[in-house]
Amino acid sequence: MKKRPGFILIALLALSVALGGCDIFSAGKIRIVDIKMAESIDANLMPVDPANTFPKGTSKIYCWFKWKDAEVNSQMMAKWHYVTENINILSYPVTIPRRSGTGSVALTMPKGKILPNGSYRVDLVLDNRKLKSCKFKVE
């Protein structure tokens, strides 16, 4: 029988991709190249007054991000955490509409409520892979 090392290599690569064990193809789904927390977002979808510390009484905080190399219409998750008490607050789906651009998601308290003082984190996640995180405080 004739040996076919090239065939075996291709078969192993195909099996690895099929089982999800190869990051060669999934690494290019999206790159988060910048992330900032802000009090608001302007008409051009840019962060207004970026900060990592927000005053007591804050009821809404934005997470602004810039991405590249995305698969159009891919689904990313923004996962908000209240680190002070180790509580997962909210997971919010974000559809990425084009290969590169900017976007934002907001953590908004119900009317009349404010964010508790403490430490927070937002994780941007795609296919259970953390792309970027940003920490912030309310004090």
Protein backbone atom coordinates (compact mmCIF):
# COMPACT_ATOMS: atom_id res chain seq x y z
CA MET A 1 0.00 0.00 0.00
CA LYS A 2 1.27 3.45 -0.93
CA LYS A 3 1.70 5.97 1.92
CA ARG A 4 -0.22 9.25 1.60
CA PRO A 5 0.99 11.64 4.33
CA GLY A 6 -0.67 14.62 2.59
CA PHE A 7 -4.06 12.91 2.62
CA ILE A 8 -3.73 12.04 6.31
CA LEU A 9 -2.76 15.64 7.19
CA ILE A 10 -5.77 17.03 5.31
CA ALA A 11 -8.09 14.47 6.94
CA LEU A 12 -6.80 15.37 10.43
CA LEU A 13 -7.18 19.10 9.73
CA ALA A 14 -10.76 18.56 8.49
CA LEU A 15 -11.61 16.52 11.59
CA SER A 16 -10.11 19.17 13.87
CA VAL A 17 -12.17 21.91 12.20
CA ALA A 18 -15.34 19.80 12.32
CA LEU A 19 -14.91 19.19 16.05
CA GLY A 20 -14.18 22.85 16.75
CA GLY A 21 -10.65 22.21 17.94
CA CYS A 22 -8.94 24.46 15.42
CA ASP A 23 -8.80 28.21 16.01
CA ILE A 24 -7.23 28.89 12.61
CA PHE A 25 -10.61 29.60 11.04
CA SER A 26 -12.50 31.02 14.04
CA ALA A 27 -9.85 33.59 15.00
CA GLY A 28 -10.83 35.90 12.14
CA LYS A 29 -14.52 36.21 13.10
CA ILE A 30 -14.02 39.59 14.80
CA ARG A 31 -11.35 41.68 16.50
CA ILE A 32 -12.29 44.27 19.11
CA VAL A 33 -9.66 46.97 18.62
CA ASP A 34 -10.93 49.53 21.15
CA ILE A 35 -13.39 49.58 24.05
CA LYS A 36 -14.45 52.44 26.34
CA MET A 37 -17.08 53.14 28.96
CA ALA A 38 -18.97 56.43 28.63
CA GLU A 39 -21.83 58.48 30.03
CA SER A 40 -23.45 58.68 26.60
CA ILE A 41 -22.97 58.18 22.85
CA ASP A 42 -23.22 61.00 20.30
CA ALA A 43 -25.02 61.07 16.93
CA ASN A 44 -21.90 59.65 15.23
CA LEU A 45 -21.90 56.66 17.64
CA MET A 46 -18.81 57.95 19.44
CA PRO A 47 -18.40 57.92 23.24
CA VAL A 48 -19.12 61.15 25.17
CA ASP A 49 -17.09 61.72 28.34
CA PRO A 50 -15.31 58.32 28.40
CA ALA A 51 -14.41 57.26 31.94
CA ASN A 52 -13.82 54.26 34.15
CA THR A 53 -15.37 55.86 37.24
CA PHE A 54 -18.93 57.21 37.31
CA PRO A 55 -20.62 59.26 40.04
CA LYS A 56 -23.11 57.99 42.59
CA GLY A 57 -26.61 58.33 41.15
CA THR A 58 -25.68 57.02 37.70
CA SER A 59 -28.52 55.10 36.08
CA LYS A 60 -27.10 54.43 32.60
CA ILE A 61 -23.61 53.53 31.35
CA TYR A 62 -22.55 52.83 27.78
CA CYS A 63 -19.93 50.40 26.54
CA TRP A 64 -18.57 51.68 23.22
CA PHE A 65 -16.44 49.40 21.04
CA LYS A 66 -14.69 49.37 17.68
CA TRP A 67 -14.29 46.16 15.67
CA LYS A 68 -12.52 44.85 12.56
CA ASP A 69 -12.49 41.64 10.53
CA ALA A 70 -16.01 40.56 11.49
CA GLU A 71 -18.24 38.10 9.74
CA VAL A 72 -21.27 40.14 8.67
CA ASN A 73 -24.33 39.52 10.88
CA SER A 74 -22.35 37.57 13.49
CA GLN A 75 -23.87 37.52 17.00
CA MET A 76 -21.75 38.80 19.87
CA MET A 77 -22.86 38.98 23.51
CA ALA A 78 -22.26 41.85 25.92
CA LYS A 79 -22.17 40.31 29.40
CA TRP A 80 -22.50 42.79 32.28
CA HIS A 81 -21.23 41.80 35.76
CA TYR A 82 -21.51 43.45 39.18
CA VAL A 83 -18.07 42.40 40.40
CA THR A 84 -18.50 43.72 43.96
CA GLU A 85 -21.08 41.02 44.73
CA ASN A 86 -20.13 38.54 41.98
CA ILE A 87 -23.49 38.89 40.18
CA ASN A 88 -24.11 38.41 36.45
CA ILE A 89 -26.47 41.28 35.68
CA LEU A 90 -27.37 40.96 32.04
CA SER A 91 -26.34 39.28 28.78
CA TYR A 92 -27.30 41.32 25.75
CA PRO A 93 -27.00 40.08 22.14
CA VAL A 94 -25.35 42.38 19.60
CA THR A 95 -25.57 41.80 15.85
CA ILE A 96 -22.46 42.95 13.99
CA PRO A 97 -23.79 44.44 10.70
CA ARG A 98 -20.54 44.90 8.74
CA ARG A 99 -16.87 43.86 8.59
CA SER A 100 -15.65 46.88 10.58
CA GLY A 101 -17.25 49.69 12.51
CA THR A 102 -18.27 50.99 15.91
CA GLY A 103 -21.17 50.22 18.19
CA SER A 104 -22.38 50.44 21.74
CA VAL A 105 -24.56 48.76 24.33
CA ALA A 106 -25.94 50.31 27.49
CA LEU A 107 -26.62 49.12 30.99
CA THR A 108 -29.80 50.97 32.01
CA MET A 109 -31.55 50.84 35.35
CA PRO A 110 -35.37 51.02 35.52
CA LYS A 111 -36.90 54.48 35.94
CA GLY A 112 -36.19 55.87 39.40
CA LYS A 113 -33.39 53.37 40.15
CA ILE A 114 -29.61 53.90 40.15
CA LEU A 115 -26.65 51.58 39.78
CA PRO A 116 -25.31 50.47 43.18
CA ASN A 117 -21.88 51.72 44.15
CA GLY A 118 -19.14 49.22 43.39
CA SER A 119 -17.06 47.58 40.68
CA TYR A 120 -18.44 46.35 37.37
CA ARG A 121 -17.18 44.63 34.23
CA VAL A 122 -18.55 44.13 30.75
CA ASP A 123 -17.26 41.25 28.60
CA LEU A 124 -17.69 41.13 24.83
CA VAL A 125 -18.03 37.45 23.91
CA LEU A 126 -18.32 35.57 20.61
CA ASP A 127 -18.82 31.79 20.47
CA ASN A 128 -18.05 31.50 24.21
CA ARG A 129 -14.70 33.23 23.62
CA LYS A 130 -14.04 36.47 25.52
CA LEU A 131 -12.91 39.08 23.00
CA LYS A 132 -12.42 42.06 25.30
CA SER A 133 -13.38 43.24 28.78
CA CYS A 134 -13.68 46.65 30.37
CA LYS A 135 -13.85 47.39 34.10
CA PHE A 136 -15.53 50.42 35.64
CA LYS A 137 -16.76 51.73 39.01
CA VAL A 138 -19.70 53.65 40.36
CA GLU A 139 -18.80 55.63 43.51
